[in-house]
PDB file of N, CA and C in Angstrom:
ATOM      1  N   MET A   1      24.496  -9.172  10.585  1.00  0.00           N
ATOM      2  CA  MET A   1      24.524  -8.238   9.489  1.00  0.00           C
ATOM      3  C   MET A   1      23.282  -7.335   9.500  1.00  0.00           C
ATOM      4  N   ILE A   2      22.109  -7.934   9.684  1.00  0.00           N
ATOM      5  CA  ILE A   2      20.866  -7.154   9.699  1.00  0.00           C
ATOM      6  C   ILE A   2      20.854  -6.217  10.905  1.00  0.00           C
ATOM      7  N   ALA A   3      21.267  -6.718  12.052  1.00  0.00           N
ATOM      8  CA  ALA A   3      21.276  -5.893  13.256  1.00  0.00           C
ATOM      9  C   ALA A   3      22.220  -4.704  13.102  1.00  0.00           C
ATOM     10  N   ARG A   4      23.343  -4.891  12.428  1.00  0.00           N
ATOM     11  CA  ARG A   4      24.285  -3.787  12.190  1.00  0.00           C
ATOM     12  C   ARG A   4      23.722  -2.784  11.187  1.00  0.00           C
ATOM     13  N   LYS A   5      23.167  -3.289  10.091  1.00  0.00           N
ATOM     14  CA  LYS A   5      22.652  -2.418   9.036  1.00  0.00           C
ATOM     15  C   LYS A   5      21.586  -1.466   9.565  1.00  0.00           C
ATOM     16  N   PHE A   6      20.681  -1.973  10.364  1.00  0.00           N
ATOM     17  CA  PHE A   6      19.573  -1.173  10.873  1.00  0.00           C
ATOM     18  C   PHE A   6      19.808  -0.638  12.282  1.00  0.00           C
ATOM     19  N   ARG A   7      21.003  -0.870  12.825  1.00  0.00           N
ATOM     20  CA  ARG A   7      21.399  -0.382  14.159  1.00  0.00           C
ATOM     21  C   ARG A   7      20.326  -0.716  15.204  1.00  0.00           C
ATOM     22  N   LEU A   8      19.952  -1.988  15.264  1.00  0.00           N
ATOM     23  CA  LEU A   8      18.889  -2.412  16.173  1.00  0.00           C
ATOM     24  C   LEU A   8      19.258  -2.171  17.635  1.00  0.00           C
ATOM     25  N   ALA A   9      20.503  -2.422  18.005  1.00  0.00           N
ATOM     26  CA  ALA A   9      20.921  -2.206  19.395  1.00  0.00           C
ATOM     27  C   ALA A   9      20.821  -0.731  19.772  1.00  0.00           C
ATOM     28  N   ASP A  10      21.143   0.148  18.837  1.00  0.00           N
ATOM     29  CA  ASP A  10      21.038   1.591  19.106  1.00  0.00           C
ATOM     30  C   ASP A  10      19.600   2.017  19.360  1.00  0.00           C
ATOM     31  N   HIS A  11      18.664   1.318  18.764  1.00  0.00           N
ATOM     32  CA  HIS A  11      17.240   1.640  18.907  1.00  0.00           C
ATOM     33  C   HIS A  11      16.556   0.779  19.969  1.00  0.00           C
ATOM     34  N   ASN A  12      17.354   0.023  20.708  1.00  0.00           N
ATOM     35  CA  ASN A  12      16.846  -0.807  21.804  1.00  0.00           C
ATOM     36  C   ASN A  12      15.748  -1.764  21.342  1.00  0.00           C
ATOM     37  N   THR A  13      16.022  -2.503  20.269  1.00  0.00           N
ATOM     38  CA  THR A  13      15.054  -3.461  19.738  1.00  0.00           C
ATOM     39  C   THR A  13      15.792  -4.724  19.292  1.00  0.00           C
ATOM     40  N   THR A  14      15.028  -5.742  18.901  1.00  0.00           N
ATOM     41  CA  THR A  14      15.600  -7.010  18.450  1.00  0.00           C
ATOM     42  C   THR A  14      15.003  -7.384  17.094  1.00  0.00           C
ATOM     43  N   ILE A  15      15.603  -8.357  16.453  1.00  0.00           N
ATOM     44  CA  ILE A  15      15.084  -8.822  15.161  1.00  0.00           C
ATOM     45  C   ILE A  15      13.678  -9.386  15.332  1.00  0.00           C
ATOM     46  N   LEU A  16      13.452 -10.163  16.385  1.00  0.00           N
ATOM     47  CA  LEU A  16      12.124 -10.741  16.623  1.00  0.00           C
ATOM     48  C   LEU A  16      11.070  -9.651  16.815  1.00  0.00           C
ATOM     49  N   ARG A  17      11.401  -8.631  17.574  1.00  0.00           N
ATOM     50  CA  ARG A  17      10.459  -7.531  17.799  1.00  0.00           C
ATOM     51  C   ARG A  17      10.142  -6.806  16.489  1.00  0.00           C
ATOM     52  N   GLU A  18      11.143  -6.636  15.657  1.00  0.00           N
ATOM     53  CA  GLU A  18      10.934  -5.972  14.374  1.00  0.00           C
ATOM     54  C   GLU A  18      10.089  -6.825  13.428  1.00  0.00           C
ATOM     55  N   ILE A  19      10.271  -8.137  13.459  1.00  0.00           N
ATOM     56  CA  ILE A  19       9.443  -9.041  12.646  1.00  0.00           C
ATOM     57  C   ILE A  19       7.986  -8.963  13.110  1.00  0.00           C
ATOM     58  N   LEU A  20       7.776  -8.943  14.408  1.00  0.00           N
ATOM     59  CA  LEU A  20       6.416  -8.814  14.953  1.00  0.00           C
ATOM     60  C   LEU A  20       5.808  -7.469  14.552  1.00  0.00           C
ATOM     61  N   ALA A  21       6.580  -6.405  14.624  1.00  0.00           N
ATOM     62  CA  ALA A  21       6.085  -5.080  14.231  1.00  0.00           C
ATOM     63  C   ALA A  21       5.758  -5.053  12.741  1.00  0.00           C
ATOM     64  N   GLY A  22       6.592  -5.666  11.913  1.00  0.00           N
ATOM     65  CA  GLY A  22       6.340  -5.713  10.476  1.00  0.00           C
ATOM     66  C   GLY A  22       5.085  -6.504  10.144  1.00  0.00           C
ATOM     67  N   THR A  23       4.888  -7.610  10.833  1.00  0.00           N
ATOM     68  CA  THR A  23       3.690  -8.424  10.621  1.00  0.00           C
ATOM     69  C   THR A  23       2.436  -7.649  11.024  1.00  0.00           C
ATOM     70  N   THR A  24       2.503  -6.965  12.145  1.00  0.00           N
ATOM     71  CA  THR A  24       1.379  -6.152  12.603  1.00  0.00           C
ATOM     72  C   THR A  24       1.069  -5.046  11.600  1.00  0.00           C
ATOM     73  N   THR A  25       2.104  -4.392  11.104  1.00  0.00           N
ATOM     74  CA  THR A  25       1.913  -3.325  10.120  1.00  0.00           C
ATOM     75  C   THR A  25       1.284  -3.870   8.841  1.00  0.00           C
ATOM     76  N   PHE A  26       1.763  -5.021   8.370  1.00  0.00           N
ATOM     77  CA  PHE A  26       1.192  -5.617   7.164  1.00  0.00           C
ATOM     78  C   PHE A  26      -0.286  -5.943   7.357  1.00  0.00           C
ATOM     79  N   LEU A  27      -0.624  -6.562   8.469  1.00  0.00           N
ATOM     80  CA  LEU A  27      -2.020  -6.919   8.712  1.00  0.00           C
ATOM     81  C   LEU A  27      -2.893  -5.675   8.840  1.00  0.00           C
ATOM     82  N   THR A  28      -2.349  -4.608   9.403  1.00  0.00           N
ATOM     83  CA  THR A  28      -3.101  -3.367   9.533  1.00  0.00           C
ATOM     84  C   THR A  28      -3.347  -2.723   8.176  1.00  0.00           C
ATOM     85  N   MET A  29      -2.347  -2.772   7.292  1.00  0.00           N
ATOM     86  CA  MET A  29      -2.451  -2.111   5.996  1.00  0.00           C
ATOM     87  C   MET A  29      -3.031  -2.989   4.894  1.00  0.00           C
ATOM     88  N   SER A  30      -3.216  -4.269   5.135  1.00  0.00           N
ATOM     89  CA  SER A  30      -3.617  -5.180   4.067  1.00  0.00           C
ATOM     90  C   SER A  30      -5.027  -4.900   3.537  1.00  0.00           C
ATOM     91  N   TYR A  31      -5.824  -4.113   4.255  1.00  0.00           N
ATOM     92  CA  TYR A  31      -7.159  -3.781   3.750  1.00  0.00           C
ATOM     93  C   TYR A  31      -7.073  -3.129   2.376  1.00  0.00           C
ATOM     94  N   ILE A  32      -6.000  -2.395   2.117  1.00  0.00           N
ATOM     95  CA  ILE A  32      -5.865  -1.688   0.842  1.00  0.00           C
ATOM     96  C   ILE A  32      -5.845  -2.668  -0.326  1.00  0.00           C
ATOM     97  N   LEU A  33      -5.359  -3.887  -0.083  1.00  0.00           N
ATOM     98  CA  LEU A  33      -5.299  -4.886  -1.149  1.00  0.00           C
ATOM     99  C   LEU A  33      -6.685  -5.368  -1.557  1.00  0.00           C
ATOM    100  N   VAL A  34      -7.642  -5.227  -0.684  1.00  0.00           N
ATOM    101  CA  VAL A  34      -9.016  -5.620  -0.992  1.00  0.00           C
ATOM    102  C   VAL A  34      -9.823  -4.424  -1.490  1.00  0.00           C
ATOM    103  N   VAL A  35      -9.669  -3.298  -0.819  1.00  0.00           N
ATOM    104  CA  VAL A  35     -10.505  -2.132  -1.108  1.00  0.00           C
ATOM    105  C   VAL A  35     -10.116  -1.448  -2.417  1.00  0.00           C
ATOM    106  N   GLN A  36      -8.822  -1.243  -2.643  1.00  0.00           N
ATOM    107  CA  GLN A  36      -8.381  -0.487  -3.819  1.00  0.00           C
ATOM    108  C   GLN A  36      -8.888  -1.067  -5.149  1.00  0.00           C
ATOM    109  N   PRO A  37      -8.725  -2.368  -5.405  1.00  0.00           N
ATOM    110  CA  PRO A  37      -9.253  -2.899  -6.672  1.00  0.00           C
ATOM    111  C   PRO A  37     -10.763  -2.733  -6.804  1.00  0.00           C
ATOM    112  N   ASN A  38     -11.488  -2.865  -5.707  1.00  0.00           N
ATOM    113  CA  ASN A  38     -12.937  -2.702  -5.762  1.00  0.00           C
ATOM    114  C   ASN A  38     -13.326  -1.259  -6.062  1.00  0.00           C
ATOM    115  N   VAL A  39     -12.620  -0.316  -5.480  1.00  0.00           N
ATOM    116  CA  VAL A  39     -12.943   1.097  -5.688  1.00  0.00           C
ATOM    117  C   VAL A  39     -12.612   1.525  -7.110  1.00  0.00           C
ATOM    118  N   LEU A  40     -11.453   1.125  -7.611  1.00  0.00           N
ATOM    119  CA  LEU A  40     -11.013   1.616  -8.910  1.00  0.00           C
ATOM    120  C   LEU A  40     -11.583   0.852 -10.104  1.00  0.00           C
ATOM    121  N   SER A  41     -12.106  -0.356  -9.891  1.00  0.00           N
ATOM    122  CA  SER A  41     -12.619  -1.125 -11.023  1.00  0.00           C
ATOM    123  C   SER A  41     -14.086  -0.833 -11.335  1.00  0.00           C
ATOM    124  N   GLN A  42     -14.788  -0.139 -10.426  1.00  0.00           N
ATOM    125  CA  GLN A  42     -16.174   0.224 -10.694  1.00  0.00           C
ATOM    126  C   GLN A  42     -16.476   1.563 -10.044  1.00  0.00           C
ATOM    127  N   ASP A  43     -17.436   2.292 -10.620  1.00  0.00           N
ATOM    128  CA  ASP A  43     -17.804   3.580 -10.041  1.00  0.00           C
ATOM    129  C   ASP A  43     -18.792   3.349  -8.895  1.00  0.00           C
ATOM    130  N   PHE A  44     -19.325   4.436  -8.348  1.00  0.00           N
ATOM    131  CA  PHE A  44     -20.206   4.321  -7.189  1.00  0.00           C
ATOM    132  C   PHE A  44     -21.537   3.655  -7.510  1.00  0.00           C
ATOM    133  N   SER A  45     -21.882   3.587  -8.791  1.00  0.00           N
ATOM    134  CA  SER A  45     -23.119   2.927  -9.209  1.00  0.00           C
ATOM    135  C   SER A  45     -22.907   1.466  -9.572  1.00  0.00           C
ATOM    136  N   GLY A  46     -21.674   1.004  -9.534  1.00  0.00           N
ATOM    137  CA  GLY A  46     -21.368  -0.377  -9.884  1.00  0.00           C
ATOM    138  C   GLY A  46     -21.001  -0.577 -11.338  1.00  0.00           C
ATOM    139  N   ASN A  47     -20.933   0.497 -12.112  1.00  0.00           N
ATOM    140  CA  ASN A  47     -20.547   0.405 -13.517  1.00  0.00           C
ATOM    141  C   ASN A  47     -19.033   0.286 -13.634  1.00  0.00           C
ATOM    142  N   PRO A  48     -18.538  -0.500 -14.594  1.00  0.00           N
ATOM    143  CA  PRO A  48     -17.083  -0.649 -14.730  1.00  0.00           C
ATOM    144  C   PRO A  48     -16.419   0.658 -15.150  1.00  0.00           C
ATOM    145  N   THR A  49     -15.221   0.902 -14.604  1.00  0.00           N
ATOM    146  CA  THR A  49     -14.467   2.116 -14.941  1.00  0.00           C
ATOM    147  C   THR A  49     -13.478   1.870 -16.073  1.00  0.00           C
ATOM    148  N   GLY A  50     -13.272   0.615 -16.439  1.00  0.00           N
ATOM    149  CA  GLY A  50     -12.301   0.289 -17.480  1.00  0.00           C
ATOM    150  C   GLY A  50     -10.983  -0.199 -16.922  1.00  0.00           C
ATOM    151  N   LEU A  51     -10.818  -0.161 -15.613  1.00  0.00           N
ATOM    152  CA  LEU A  51      -9.607  -0.679 -14.976  1.00  0.00           C
ATOM    153  C   LEU A  51      -9.868  -2.103 -14.499  1.00  0.00           C
ATOM    154  N   GLU A  52      -9.036  -3.020 -14.914  1.00  0.00           N
ATOM    155  CA  GLU A  52      -9.209  -4.421 -14.531  1.00  0.00           C
ATOM    156  C   GLU A  52      -8.814  -4.615 -13.068  1.00  0.00           C
ATOM    157  N   ARG A  53      -9.651  -5.327 -12.331  1.00  0.00           N
ATOM    158  CA  ARG A  53      -9.441  -5.546 -10.897  1.00  0.00           C
ATOM    159  C   ARG A  53      -8.082  -6.189 -10.605  1.00  0.00           C
ATOM    160  N   GLY A  54      -7.699  -7.190 -11.379  1.00  0.00           N
ATOM    161  CA  GLY A  54      -6.419  -7.865 -11.156  1.00  0.00           C
ATOM    162  C   GLY A  54      -5.218  -6.963 -11.410  1.00  0.00           C
ATOM    163  N   ALA A  55      -5.334  -6.107 -12.426  1.00  0.00           N
ATOM    164  CA  ALA A  55      -4.244  -5.171 -12.733  1.00  0.00           C
ATOM    165  C   ALA A  55      -4.087  -4.146 -11.623  1.00  0.00           C
ATOM    166  N   VAL A  56      -5.201  -3.678 -11.076  1.00  0.00           N
ATOM    167  CA  VAL A  56      -5.144  -2.716  -9.976  1.00  0.00           C
ATOM    168  C   VAL A  56      -4.538  -3.370  -8.740  1.00  0.00           C
ATOM    169  N   LEU A  57      -4.892  -4.609  -8.473  1.00  0.00           N
ATOM    170  CA  LEU A  57      -4.323  -5.338  -7.341  1.00  0.00           C
ATOM    171  C   LEU A  57      -2.809  -5.471  -7.506  1.00  0.00           C
ATOM    172  N   LEU A  58      -2.362  -5.874  -8.677  1.00  0.00           N
ATOM    173  CA  LEU A  58      -0.930  -6.023  -8.930  1.00  0.00           C
ATOM    174  C   LEU A  58      -0.202  -4.684  -8.775  1.00  0.00           C
ATOM    175  N   ALA A  59      -0.756  -3.628  -9.341  1.00  0.00           N
ATOM    176  CA  ALA A  59      -0.129  -2.307  -9.236  1.00  0.00           C
ATOM    177  C   ALA A  59      -0.056  -1.844  -7.785  1.00  0.00           C
ATOM    178  N   THR A  60      -1.093  -2.116  -7.011  1.00  0.00           N
ATOM    179  CA  THR A  60      -1.101  -1.750  -5.595  1.00  0.00           C
ATOM    180  C   THR A  60      -0.022  -2.503  -4.832  1.00  0.00           C
ATOM    181  N   CYS A  61       0.088  -3.802  -5.078  1.00  0.00           N
ATOM    182  CA  CYS A  61       1.099  -4.618  -4.396  1.00  0.00           C
ATOM    183  C   CYS A  61       2.513  -4.161  -4.747  1.00  0.00           C
ATOM    184  N   VAL A  62       2.772  -3.948  -6.022  1.00  0.00           N
ATOM    185  CA  VAL A  62       4.109  -3.555  -6.461  1.00  0.00           C
ATOM    186  C   VAL A  62       4.479  -2.171  -5.929  1.00  0.00           C
ATOM    187  N   ALA A  63       3.552  -1.217  -6.057  1.00  0.00           N
ATOM    188  CA  ALA A  63       3.829   0.137  -5.580  1.00  0.00           C
ATOM    189  C   ALA A  63       4.074   0.161  -4.075  1.00  0.00           C
ATOM    190  N   SER A  64       3.264  -0.563  -3.320  1.00  0.00           N
ATOM    191  CA  SER A  64       3.428  -0.602  -1.867  1.00  0.00           C
ATOM    192  C   SER A  64       4.741  -1.271  -1.476  1.00  0.00           C
ATOM    193  N   ALA A  65       5.072  -2.368  -2.128  1.00  0.00           N
ATOM    194  CA  ALA A  65       6.312  -3.086  -1.806  1.00  0.00           C
ATOM    195  C   ALA A  65       7.540  -2.238  -2.122  1.00  0.00           C
ATOM    196  N   LEU A  66       7.556  -1.602  -3.279  1.00  0.00           N
ATOM    197  CA  LEU A  66       8.713  -0.782  -3.658  1.00  0.00           C
ATOM    198  C   LEU A  66       8.866   0.438  -2.751  1.00  0.00           C
ATOM    199  N   ALA A  67       7.773   1.111  -2.464  1.00  0.00           N
ATOM    200  CA  ALA A  67       7.840   2.297  -1.614  1.00  0.00           C
ATOM    201  C   ALA A  67       8.268   1.940  -0.193  1.00  0.00           C
ATOM    202  N   THR A  68       7.728   0.857   0.340  1.00  0.00           N
ATOM    203  CA  THR A  68       8.091   0.429   1.691  1.00  0.00           C
ATOM    204  C   THR A  68       9.543  -0.026   1.746  1.00  0.00           C
ATOM    205  N   ALA A  69       9.986  -0.774   0.729  1.00  0.00           N
ATOM    206  CA  ALA A  69      11.380  -1.214   0.683  1.00  0.00           C
ATOM    207  C   ALA A  69      12.326  -0.024   0.586  1.00  0.00           C
ATOM    208  N   ALA A  70      11.966   0.977  -0.196  1.00  0.00           N
ATOM    209  CA  ALA A  70      12.801   2.177  -0.313  1.00  0.00           C
ATOM    210  C   ALA A  70      12.905   2.900   1.023  1.00  0.00           C
ATOM    211  N   MET A  71      11.800   2.998   1.731  1.00  0.00           N
ATOM    212  CA  MET A  71      11.837   3.657   3.037  1.00  0.00           C
ATOM    213  C   MET A  71      12.709   2.885   4.022  1.00  0.00           C
ATOM    214  N   GLY A  72      12.623   1.567   3.993  1.00  0.00           N
ATOM    215  CA  GLY A  72      13.400   0.765   4.925  1.00  0.00           C
ATOM    216  C   GLY A  72      14.865   0.657   4.555  1.00  0.00           C
ATOM    217  N   LEU A  73      15.142   0.390   3.290  1.00  0.00           N
ATOM    218  CA  LEU A  73      16.522   0.130   2.879  1.00  0.00           C
ATOM    219  C   LEU A  73      17.307   1.399   2.549  1.00  0.00           C
ATOM    220  N   TYR A  74      16.668   2.355   1.910  1.00  0.00           N
ATOM    221  CA  TYR A  74      17.378   3.565   1.507  1.00  0.00           C
ATOM    222  C   TYR A  74      17.345   4.628   2.607  1.00  0.00           C
ATOM    223  N   ALA A  75      16.143   4.912   3.114  1.00  0.00           N
ATOM    224  CA  ALA A  75      16.004   5.949   4.130  1.00  0.00           C
ATOM    225  C   ALA A  75      16.294   5.430   5.536  1.00  0.00           C
ATOM    226  N   GLY A  76      16.189   4.114   5.725  1.00  0.00           N
ATOM    227  CA  GLY A  76      16.451   3.533   7.047  1.00  0.00           C
ATOM    228  C   GLY A  76      15.346   3.827   8.046  1.00  0.00           C
ATOM    229  N   LEU A  77      14.149   4.058   7.562  1.00  0.00           N
ATOM    230  CA  LEU A  77      13.032   4.373   8.449  1.00  0.00           C
ATOM    231  C   LEU A  77      12.012   3.232   8.446  1.00  0.00           C
ATOM    232  N   PRO A  78      11.425   2.948   9.608  1.00  0.00           N
ATOM    233  CA  PRO A  78      10.429   1.869   9.695  1.00  0.00           C
ATOM    234  C   PRO A  78       9.036   2.369   9.312  1.00  0.00           C
ATOM    235  N   VAL A  79       8.885   2.782   8.065  1.00  0.00           N
ATOM    236  CA  VAL A  79       7.627   3.357   7.602  1.00  0.00           C
ATOM    237  C   VAL A  79       7.106   2.525   6.432  1.00  0.00           C
ATOM    238  N   ALA A  80       5.855   2.110   6.519  1.00  0.00           N
ATOM    239  CA  ALA A  80       5.218   1.380   5.423  1.00  0.00           C
ATOM    240  C   ALA A  80       4.358   2.355   4.629  1.00  0.00           C
ATOM    241  N   LEU A  81       4.418   2.240   3.312  1.00  0.00           N
ATOM    242  CA  LEU A  81       3.684   3.154   2.438  1.00  0.00           C
ATOM    243  C   LEU A  81       2.767   2.375   1.494  1.00  0.00           C
ATOM    244  N   ALA A  82       1.601   2.937   1.238  1.00  0.00           N
ATOM    245  CA  ALA A  82       0.655   2.357   0.287  1.00  0.00           C
ATOM    246  C   ALA A  82      -0.134   3.499  -0.343  1.00  0.00           C
ATOM    247  N   PRO A  83      -0.763   3.260  -1.485  1.00  0.00           N
ATOM    248  CA  PRO A  83      -1.562   4.310  -2.120  1.00  0.00           C
ATOM    249  C   PRO A  83      -2.680   4.803  -1.194  1.00  0.00           C
ATOM    250  N   GLY A  84      -2.966   6.087  -1.266  1.00  0.00           N
ATOM    251  CA  GLY A  84      -4.007   6.677  -0.424  1.00  0.00           C
ATOM    252  C   GLY A  84      -5.392   6.481  -1.000  1.00  0.00           C
ATOM    253  N   MET A  85      -6.344   6.210  -0.154  1.00  0.00           N
ATOM    254  CA  MET A  85      -7.707   5.968  -0.612  1.00  0.00           C
ATOM    255  C   MET A  85      -8.415   7.244  -1.055  1.00  0.00           C
ATOM    256  N   GLY A  86      -8.041   8.388  -0.513  1.00  0.00           N
ATOM    257  CA  GLY A  86      -8.686   9.635  -0.902  1.00  0.00           C
ATOM    258  C   GLY A  86      -8.532   9.929  -2.381  1.00  0.00           C
ATOM    259  N   GLN A  87      -7.338   9.679  -2.904  1.00  0.00           N
ATOM    260  CA  GLN A  87      -7.103   9.909  -4.329  1.00  0.00           C
ATOM    261  C   GLN A  87      -7.925   8.954  -5.181  1.00  0.00           C
ATOM    262  N   ASN A  88      -8.132   7.744  -4.706  1.00  0.00           N
ATOM    263  CA  ASN A  88      -8.922   6.765  -5.457  1.00  0.00           C
ATOM    264  C   ASN A  88     -10.361   7.229  -5.618  1.00  0.00           C
ATOM    265  N   PHE A  89     -10.962   7.714  -4.553  1.00  0.00           N
ATOM    266  CA  PHE A  89     -12.339   8.176  -4.635  1.00  0.00           C
ATOM    267  C   PHE A  89     -12.441   9.419  -5.516  1.00  0.00           C
ATOM    268  N   PHE A  90     -11.438  10.277  -5.463  1.00  0.00           N
ATOM    269  CA  PHE A  90     -11.411  11.446  -6.341  1.00  0.00           C
ATOM    270  C   PHE A  90     -11.343  11.002  -7.799  1.00  0.00           C
ATOM    271  N   PHE A  91     -10.470  10.034  -8.089  1.00  0.00           N
ATOM    272  CA  PHE A  91     -10.308   9.529  -9.447  1.00  0.00           C
ATOM    273  C   PHE A  91     -11.619   8.961  -9.985  1.00  0.00           C
ATOM    274  N   VAL A  92     -12.295   8.149  -9.189  1.00  0.00           N
ATOM    275  CA  VAL A  92     -13.570   7.558  -9.612  1.00  0.00           C
ATOM    276  C   VAL A  92     -14.624   8.646  -9.793  1.00  0.00           C
ATOM    277  N   SER A  93     -14.617   9.670  -8.933  1.00  0.00           N
ATOM    278  CA  SER A  93     -15.557  10.782  -9.090  1.00  0.00           C
ATOM    279  C   SER A  93     -15.339  11.523 -10.399  1.00  0.00           C
ATOM    280  N   VAL A  94     -14.081  11.705 -10.785  1.00  0.00           N
ATOM    281  CA  VAL A  94     -13.768  12.370 -12.056  1.00  0.00           C
ATOM    282  C   VAL A  94     -14.260  11.518 -13.222  1.00  0.00           C
ATOM    283  N   ILE A  95     -14.059  10.219 -13.155  1.00  0.00           N
ATOM    284  CA  ILE A  95     -14.547   9.326 -14.207  1.00  0.00           C
ATOM    285  C   ILE A  95     -16.063   9.437 -14.332  1.00  0.00           C
ATOM    286  N   MET A  96     -16.751   9.468 -13.209  1.00  0.00           N
ATOM    287  CA  MET A  96     -18.211   9.589 -13.241  1.00  0.00           C
ATOM    288  C   MET A  96     -18.630  10.933 -13.833  1.00  0.00           C
ATOM    289  N   ALA A  97     -17.918  11.998 -13.443  1.00  0.00           N
ATOM    290  CA  ALA A  97     -18.281  13.325 -13.935  1.00  0.00           C
ATOM    291  C   ALA A  97     -18.063  13.452 -15.440  1.00  0.00           C
ATOM    292  N   LEU A  98     -17.044  12.785 -15.949  1.00  0.00           N
ATOM    293  CA  LEU A  98     -16.767  12.846 -17.383  1.00  0.00           C
ATOM    294  C   LEU A  98     -17.630  11.869 -18.178  1.00  0.00           C
ATOM    295  N   GLY A  99     -18.279  10.969 -17.469  1.00  0.00           N
ATOM    296  CA  GLY A  99     -19.112   9.986 -18.156  1.00  0.00           C
ATOM    297  C   GLY A  99     -18.312   8.922 -18.857  1.00  0.00           C
ATOM    298  N   ALA A 100     -17.066   8.710 -18.434  1.00  0.00           N
ATOM    299  CA  ALA A 100     -16.194   7.748 -19.099  1.00  0.00           C
ATOM    300  C   ALA A 100     -16.377   6.340 -18.538  1.00  0.00           C
ATOM    301  N   GLY A 101     -17.114   6.186 -17.465  1.00  0.00           N
ATOM    302  CA  GLY A 101     -17.211   4.887 -16.821  1.00  0.00           C
ATOM    303  C   GLY A 101     -18.241   3.988 -17.375  1.00  0.00           C
TER     304      GLY A 101
END
């Protein structure tokens, strides 16, 4: 069923190869699960921004899982998605500039 849904034979691949590729992709992208909560929960001076570290971690996990699942199941593309770090640093910079942190 899985091989038919994703047309693995048409793409000259196997389920095992795809599992290995998925594991590699997860390990490559997993840094975001550590970095994102640290960046968004405190500003560059170490002062709290008002965002709880655990809540940011949960939001990152849920957003990444839903976006990646949508790309795989709906679009049929082997693309993993996660929040971008550039926007996080911009967000923290705005908080610092406004003095809200």
